[in-house]
Amino acid sequence: METMQDKYFVAKVQYDLPDENTGKIKKIREEKLVKGFSITDVESKVTNSFEGFTYDWRITACVESKIDEVFE
């Protein structure tokens, strides 16, 4: 029986942020490297990390990373 093994995923997040000078809305795109065992697990972790975030945000993509090991 195969055990659940953590993998690394790249979660792409986008949010709208008003420009301080002009007031126009800027779309900010970020990539987060997240350790998890499934896309659902990663989406949950990202959602928890953005809890209380003031601006509208969304996960635009979540794919398994080609990174197979991280040295600390």
PDB file of N, CA and C in Angstrom:
ATOM      1  N   MET A   1       0.839  -1.183   0.000  1.00  0.00           N
ATOM      2  CA  MET A   1       0.000   0.000   0.000  1.00  0.00           C
ATOM      3  C   MET A   1       0.887   1.251   0.000  1.00  0.00           C
ATOM      4  N   GLU A   2       0.591   2.188  -0.885  1.00  0.00           N
ATOM      5  CA  GLU A   2       1.378   3.413  -0.985  1.00  0.00           C
ATOM      6  C   GLU A   2       0.910   4.415   0.069  1.00  0.00           C
ATOM      7  N   THR A   3       1.849   5.039   0.749  1.00  0.00           N
ATOM      8  CA  THR A   3       1.495   6.044   1.752  1.00  0.00           C
ATOM      9  C   THR A   3       1.436   7.408   1.089  1.00  0.00           C
ATOM     10  N   MET A   4       0.673   8.313   1.724  1.00  0.00           N
ATOM     11  CA  MET A   4       0.599   9.673   1.201  1.00  0.00           C
ATOM     12  C   MET A   4       1.931  10.356   1.437  1.00  0.00           C
ATOM     13  N   GLN A   5       2.486  10.901   0.385  1.00  0.00           N
ATOM     14  CA  GLN A   5       3.775  11.563   0.487  1.00  0.00           C
ATOM     15  C   GLN A   5       3.622  13.014   0.063  1.00  0.00           C
ATOM     16  N   ASP A   6       4.197  13.905   0.852  1.00  0.00           N
ATOM     17  CA  ASP A   6       4.138  15.314   0.502  1.00  0.00           C
ATOM     18  C   ASP A   6       4.909  15.569  -0.781  1.00  0.00           C
ATOM     19  N   LYS A   7       4.367  16.463  -1.573  1.00  0.00           N
ATOM     20  CA  LYS A   7       4.994  16.911  -2.812  1.00  0.00           C
ATOM     21  C   LYS A   7       5.037  18.427  -2.751  1.00  0.00           C
ATOM     22  N   TYR A   8       5.624  19.024  -3.739  1.00  0.00           N
ATOM     23  CA  TYR A   8       5.641  20.482  -3.827  1.00  0.00           C
ATOM     24  C   TYR A   8       4.779  20.923  -5.005  1.00  0.00           C
ATOM     25  N   PHE A   9       3.996  21.955  -4.764  1.00  0.00           N
ATOM     26  CA  PHE A   9       3.098  22.498  -5.776  1.00  0.00           C
ATOM     27  C   PHE A   9       3.370  23.986  -5.926  1.00  0.00           C
ATOM     28  N   VAL A  10       3.136  24.493  -7.125  1.00  0.00           N
ATOM     29  CA  VAL A  10       3.202  25.927  -7.372  1.00  0.00           C
ATOM     30  C   VAL A  10       1.760  26.423  -7.479  1.00  0.00           C
ATOM     31  N   ALA A  11       1.400  27.288  -6.541  1.00  0.00           N
ATOM     32  CA  ALA A  11       0.064  27.890  -6.550  1.00  0.00           C
ATOM     33  C   ALA A  11       0.214  29.324  -7.049  1.00  0.00           C
ATOM     34  N   LYS A  12      -0.487  29.647  -8.113  1.00  0.00           N
ATOM     35  CA  LYS A  12      -0.458  31.006  -8.652  1.00  0.00           C
ATOM     36  C   LYS A  12      -1.655  31.768  -8.085  1.00  0.00           C
ATOM     37  N   VAL A  13      -1.348  32.904  -7.479  1.00  0.00           N
ATOM     38  CA  VAL A  13      -2.365  33.711  -6.810  1.00  0.00           C
ATOM     39  C   VAL A  13      -2.401  35.080  -7.470  1.00  0.00           C
ATOM     40  N   GLN A  14      -3.604  35.605  -7.635  1.00  0.00           N
ATOM     41  CA  GLN A  14      -3.761  36.942  -8.205  1.00  0.00           C
ATOM     42  C   GLN A  14      -4.683  37.744  -7.305  1.00  0.00           C
ATOM     43  N   TYR A  15      -4.316  39.012  -7.087  1.00  0.00           N
ATOM     44  CA  TYR A  15      -5.208  39.885  -6.336  1.00  0.00           C
ATOM     45  C   TYR A  15      -5.138  41.293  -6.905  1.00  0.00           C
ATOM     46  N   ASP A  16      -6.179  42.060  -6.644  1.00  0.00           N
ATOM     47  CA  ASP A  16      -6.277  43.432  -7.128  1.00  0.00           C
ATOM     48  C   ASP A  16      -5.875  44.379  -6.009  1.00  0.00           C
ATOM     49  N   LEU A  17      -4.963  45.299  -6.328  1.00  0.00           N
ATOM     50  CA  LEU A  17      -4.452  46.224  -5.332  1.00  0.00           C
ATOM     51  C   LEU A  17      -4.501  47.635  -5.905  1.00  0.00           C
ATOM     52  N   PRO A  18      -5.097  48.584  -5.192  1.00  0.00           N
ATOM     53  CA  PRO A  18      -5.120  49.954  -5.714  1.00  0.00           C
ATOM     54  C   PRO A  18      -3.735  50.600  -5.650  1.00  0.00           C
ATOM     55  N   ASP A  19      -3.349  51.285  -6.727  1.00  0.00           N
ATOM     56  CA  ASP A  19      -2.082  52.000  -6.766  1.00  0.00           C
ATOM     57  C   ASP A  19      -2.164  53.185  -5.802  1.00  0.00           C
ATOM     58  N   GLU A  20      -1.124  53.360  -4.983  1.00  0.00           N
ATOM     59  CA  GLU A  20      -1.133  54.426  -3.977  1.00  0.00           C
ATOM     60  C   GLU A  20      -1.195  55.820  -4.595  1.00  0.00           C
ATOM     61  N   ASN A  21      -0.573  55.985  -5.758  1.00  0.00           N
ATOM     62  CA  ASN A  21      -0.505  57.315  -6.373  1.00  0.00           C
ATOM     63  C   ASN A  21      -1.714  57.637  -7.233  1.00  0.00           C
ATOM     64  N   THR A  22      -2.111  56.692  -8.081  1.00  0.00           N
ATOM     65  CA  THR A  22      -3.173  56.977  -9.048  1.00  0.00           C
ATOM     66  C   THR A  22      -4.538  56.461  -8.597  1.00  0.00           C
ATOM     67  N   GLY A  23      -4.559  55.491  -7.698  1.00  0.00           N
ATOM     68  CA  GLY A  23      -5.830  54.912  -7.266  1.00  0.00           C
ATOM     69  C   GLY A  23      -6.351  53.848  -8.211  1.00  0.00           C
ATOM     70  N   LYS A  24      -5.656  53.659  -9.355  1.00  0.00           N
ATOM     71  CA  LYS A  24      -6.082  52.629 -10.306  1.00  0.00           C
ATOM     72  C   LYS A  24      -5.796  51.248  -9.733  1.00  0.00           C
ATOM     73  N   ILE A  25      -6.610  50.290 -10.122  1.00  0.00           N
ATOM     74  CA  ILE A  25      -6.450  48.916  -9.657  1.00  0.00           C
ATOM     75  C   ILE A  25      -5.346  48.226 -10.451  1.00  0.00           C
ATOM     76  N   LYS A  26      -4.404  47.623  -9.739  1.00  0.00           N
ATOM     77  CA  LYS A  26      -3.329  46.853 -10.368  1.00  0.00           C
ATOM     78  C   LYS A  26      -3.536  45.383 -10.038  1.00  0.00           C
ATOM     79  N   LYS A  27      -3.354  44.540 -11.038  1.00  0.00           N
ATOM     80  CA  LYS A  27      -3.435  43.098 -10.823  1.00  0.00           C
ATOM     81  C   LYS A  27      -2.054  42.608 -10.409  1.00  0.00           C
ATOM     82  N   ILE A  28      -1.962  42.067  -9.217  1.00  0.00           N
ATOM     83  CA  ILE A  28      -0.713  41.540  -8.697  1.00  0.00           C
ATOM     84  C   ILE A  28      -0.754  40.022  -8.828  1.00  0.00           C
ATOM     85  N   ARG A  29       0.292  39.456  -9.409  1.00  0.00           N
ATOM     86  CA  ARG A  29       0.374  37.995  -9.573  1.00  0.00           C
ATOM     87  C   ARG A  29       1.584  37.492  -8.801  1.00  0.00           C
ATOM     88  N   GLU A  30       1.368  36.439  -8.016  1.00  0.00           N
ATOM     89  CA  GLU A  30       2.443  35.844  -7.231  1.00  0.00           C
ATOM     90  C   GLU A  30       2.406  34.334  -7.387  1.00  0.00           C
ATOM     91  N   GLU A  31       3.562  33.715  -7.224  1.00  0.00           N
ATOM     92  CA  GLU A  31       3.649  32.253  -7.213  1.00  0.00           C
ATOM     93  C   GLU A  31       4.111  31.813  -5.841  1.00  0.00           C
ATOM     94  N   LYS A  32       3.431  30.846  -5.282  1.00  0.00           N
ATOM     95  CA  LYS A  32       3.753  30.306  -3.967  1.00  0.00           C
ATOM     96  C   LYS A  32       4.161  28.848  -4.117  1.00  0.00           C
ATOM     97  N   LEU A  33       5.281  28.469  -3.509  1.00  0.00           N
ATOM     98  CA  LEU A  33       5.687  27.072  -3.479  1.00  0.00           C
ATOM     99  C   LEU A  33       5.127  26.489  -2.191  1.00  0.00           C
ATOM    100  N   VAL A  34       4.273  25.471  -2.330  1.00  0.00           N
ATOM    101  CA  VAL A  34       3.538  24.932  -1.185  1.00  0.00           C
ATOM    102  C   VAL A  34       3.764  23.427  -1.099  1.00  0.00           C
ATOM    103  N   LYS A  35       4.065  22.958   0.100  1.00  0.00           N
ATOM    104  CA  LYS A  35       4.237  21.526   0.333  1.00  0.00           C
ATOM    105  C   LYS A  35       2.886  20.954   0.739  1.00  0.00           C
ATOM    106  N   GLY A  36       2.476  19.892   0.059  1.00  0.00           N
ATOM    107  CA  GLY A  36       1.197  19.263   0.362  1.00  0.00           C
ATOM    108  C   GLY A  36       1.098  17.922  -0.317  1.00  0.00           C
ATOM    109  N   PHE A  37       0.022  17.195  -0.031  1.00  0.00           N
ATOM    110  CA  PHE A  37      -0.130  15.868  -0.626  1.00  0.00           C
ATOM    111  C   PHE A  37      -1.129  15.845  -1.779  1.00  0.00           C
ATOM    112  N   SER A  38      -1.865  16.959  -1.993  1.00  0.00           N
ATOM    113  CA  SER A  38      -2.803  17.031  -3.119  1.00  0.00           C
ATOM    114  C   SER A  38      -3.081  18.496  -3.439  1.00  0.00           C
ATOM    115  N   ILE A  39      -3.681  18.719  -4.587  1.00  0.00           N
ATOM    116  CA  ILE A  39      -4.046  20.088  -4.971  1.00  0.00           C
ATOM    117  C   ILE A  39      -5.063  20.653  -3.985  1.00  0.00           C
ATOM    118  N   THR A  40      -5.987  19.828  -3.536  1.00  0.00           N
ATOM    119  CA  THR A  40      -6.993  20.281  -2.569  1.00  0.00           C
ATOM    120  C   THR A  40      -6.332  20.714  -1.268  1.00  0.00           C
ATOM    121  N   ASP A  41      -5.340  19.947  -0.815  1.00  0.00           N
ATOM    122  CA  ASP A  41      -4.594  20.291   0.399  1.00  0.00           C
ATOM    123  C   ASP A  41      -3.877  21.628   0.226  1.00  0.00           C
ATOM    124  N   VAL A  42      -3.251  21.817  -0.925  1.00  0.00           N
ATOM    125  CA  VAL A  42      -2.522  23.061  -1.207  1.00  0.00           C
ATOM    126  C   VAL A  42      -3.484  24.248  -1.265  1.00  0.00           C
ATOM    127  N   GLU A  43      -4.624  24.082  -1.926  1.00  0.00           N
ATOM    128  CA  GLU A  43      -5.614  25.162  -1.997  1.00  0.00           C
ATOM    129  C   GLU A  43      -6.072  25.551  -0.592  1.00  0.00           C
ATOM    130  N   SER A  44      -6.253  24.573   0.264  1.00  0.00           N
ATOM    131  CA  SER A  44      -6.654  24.839   1.640  1.00  0.00           C
ATOM    132  C   SER A  44      -5.576  25.630   2.386  1.00  0.00           C
ATOM    133  N   LYS A  45      -4.315  25.249   2.209  1.00  0.00           N
ATOM    134  CA  LYS A  45      -3.212  25.951   2.865  1.00  0.00           C
ATOM    135  C   LYS A  45      -3.097  27.389   2.384  1.00  0.00           C
ATOM    136  N   VAL A  46      -3.245  27.601   1.084  1.00  0.00           N
ATOM    137  CA  VAL A  46      -3.171  28.967   0.533  1.00  0.00           C
ATOM    138  C   VAL A  46      -4.339  29.795   1.059  1.00  0.00           C
ATOM    139  N   THR A  47      -5.525  29.204   1.069  1.00  0.00           N
ATOM    140  CA  THR A  47      -6.710  29.905   1.570  1.00  0.00           C
ATOM    141  C   THR A  47      -6.507  30.321   3.024  1.00  0.00           C
ATOM    142  N   ASN A  48      -5.963  29.426   3.838  1.00  0.00           N
ATOM    143  CA  ASN A  48      -5.706  29.753   5.241  1.00  0.00           C
ATOM    144  C   ASN A  48      -4.684  30.877   5.380  1.00  0.00           C
ATOM    145  N   SER A  49      -3.681  30.893   4.514  1.00  0.00           N
ATOM    146  CA  SER A  49      -2.655  31.932   4.613  1.00  0.00           C
ATOM    147  C   SER A  49      -3.189  33.306   4.192  1.00  0.00           C
ATOM    148  N   PHE A  50      -4.225  33.331   3.353  1.00  0.00           N
ATOM    149  CA  PHE A  50      -4.818  34.602   2.919  1.00  0.00           C
ATOM    150  C   PHE A  50      -6.019  34.998   3.768  1.00  0.00           C
ATOM    151  N   GLU A  51      -6.278  34.262   4.845  1.00  0.00           N
ATOM    152  CA  GLU A  51      -7.393  34.588   5.732  1.00  0.00           C
ATOM    153  C   GLU A  51      -7.176  35.989   6.312  1.00  0.00           C
ATOM    154  N   GLY A  52      -8.190  36.814   6.219  1.00  0.00           N
ATOM    155  CA  GLY A  52      -8.094  38.178   6.717  1.00  0.00           C
ATOM    156  C   GLY A  52      -7.476  39.151   5.729  1.00  0.00           C
ATOM    157  N   PHE A  53      -7.084  38.668   4.537  1.00  0.00           N
ATOM    158  CA  PHE A  53      -6.519  39.546   3.506  1.00  0.00           C
ATOM    159  C   PHE A  53      -7.604  40.509   3.053  1.00  0.00           C
ATOM    160  N   THR A  54      -7.292  41.783   2.989  1.00  0.00           N
ATOM    161  CA  THR A  54      -8.294  42.821   2.745  1.00  0.00           C
ATOM    162  C   THR A  54      -8.846  42.831   1.323  1.00  0.00           C
ATOM    163  N   TYR A  55      -8.023  42.490   0.354  1.00  0.00           N
ATOM    164  CA  TYR A  55      -8.413  42.639  -1.051  1.00  0.00           C
ATOM    165  C   TYR A  55      -8.907  41.318  -1.639  1.00  0.00           C
ATOM    166  N   ASP A  56      -9.656  41.429  -2.734  1.00  0.00           N
ATOM    167  CA  ASP A  56     -10.127  40.233  -3.438  1.00  0.00           C
ATOM    168  C   ASP A  56      -8.929  39.491  -4.012  1.00  0.00           C
ATOM    169  N   TRP A  57      -8.909  38.193  -3.838  1.00  0.00           N
ATOM    170  CA  TRP A  57      -7.814  37.381  -4.346  1.00  0.00           C
ATOM    171  C   TRP A  57      -8.382  36.070  -4.871  1.00  0.00           C
ATOM    172  N   ARG A  58      -7.588  35.375  -5.672  1.00  0.00           N
ATOM    173  CA  ARG A  58      -8.019  34.079  -6.203  1.00  0.00           C
ATOM    174  C   ARG A  58      -6.806  33.249  -6.592  1.00  0.00           C
ATOM    175  N   ILE A  59      -6.972  31.952  -6.529  1.00  0.00           N
ATOM    176  CA  ILE A  59      -5.955  31.032  -7.017  1.00  0.00           C
ATOM    177  C   ILE A  59      -6.252  30.830  -8.498  1.00  0.00           C
ATOM    178  N   THR A  60      -5.291  31.160  -9.357  1.00  0.00           N
ATOM    179  CA  THR A  60      -5.530  31.040 -10.797  1.00  0.00           C
ATOM    180  C   THR A  60      -5.002  29.732 -11.355  1.00  0.00           C
ATOM    181  N   ALA A  61      -4.063  29.085 -10.638  1.00  0.00           N
ATOM    182  CA  ALA A  61      -3.531  27.799 -11.087  1.00  0.00           C
ATOM    183  C   ALA A  61      -2.848  27.108  -9.920  1.00  0.00           C
ATOM    184  N   CYS A  62      -2.812  25.799  -9.990  1.00  0.00           N
ATOM    185  CA  CYS A  62      -2.115  25.009  -8.982  1.00  0.00           C
ATOM    186  C   CYS A  62      -1.618  23.740  -9.669  1.00  0.00           C
ATOM    187  N   VAL A  63      -0.303  23.630  -9.781  1.00  0.00           N
ATOM    188  CA  VAL A  63       0.279  22.484 -10.480  1.00  0.00           C
ATOM    189  C   VAL A  63       1.404  21.887  -9.643  1.00  0.00           C
ATOM    190  N   GLU A  64       1.630  20.608  -9.833  1.00  0.00           N
ATOM    191  CA  GLU A  64       2.719  19.948  -9.125  1.00  0.00           C
ATOM    192  C   GLU A  64       4.048  20.482  -9.640  1.00  0.00           C
ATOM    193  N   SER A  65       4.939  20.812  -8.729  1.00  0.00           N
ATOM    194  CA  SER A  65       6.246  21.340  -9.081  1.00  0.00           C
ATOM    195  C   SER A  65       7.174  20.211  -9.507  1.00  0.00           C
ATOM    196  N   LYS A  66       8.154  20.549 -10.313  1.00  0.00           N
ATOM    197  CA  LYS A  66       9.161  19.569 -10.709  1.00  0.00           C
ATOM    198  C   LYS A  66      10.232  19.422  -9.624  1.00  0.00           C
ATOM    199  N   ILE A  67      10.173  20.265  -8.598  1.00  0.00           N
ATOM    200  CA  ILE A  67      11.108  20.167  -7.486  1.00  0.00           C
ATOM    201  C   ILE A  67      10.791  18.883  -6.722  1.00  0.00           C
ATOM    202  N   ASP A  68      11.785  18.032  -6.551  1.00  0.00           N
ATOM    203  CA  ASP A  68      11.524  16.779  -5.865  1.00  0.00           C
ATOM    204  C   ASP A  68      12.185  16.691  -4.502  1.00  0.00           C
ATOM    205  N   GLU A  69      13.040  17.679  -4.183  1.00  0.00           N
ATOM    206  CA  GLU A  69      13.690  17.646  -2.889  1.00  0.00           C
ATOM    207  C   GLU A  69      14.159  19.037  -2.521  1.00  0.00           C
ATOM    208  N   VAL A  70      14.059  19.363  -1.238  1.00  0.00           N
ATOM    209  CA  VAL A  70      14.515  20.651  -0.732  1.00  0.00           C
ATOM    210  C   VAL A  70      15.506  20.368   0.391  1.00  0.00           C
ATOM    211  N   PHE A  71      16.667  20.996   0.317  1.00  0.00           N
ATOM    212  CA  PHE A  71      17.661  20.856   1.363  1.00  0.00           C
ATOM    213  C   PHE A  71      17.567  22.063   2.295  1.00  0.00           C
ATOM    214  N   GLU A  72      17.512  21.793   3.578  1.00  0.00           N
ATOM    215  CA  GLU A  72      17.418  22.887   4.550  1.00  0.00           C
ATOM    216  C   GLU A  72      18.681  22.982   5.366  1.00  0.00           C
TER     217      GLU A  72
END
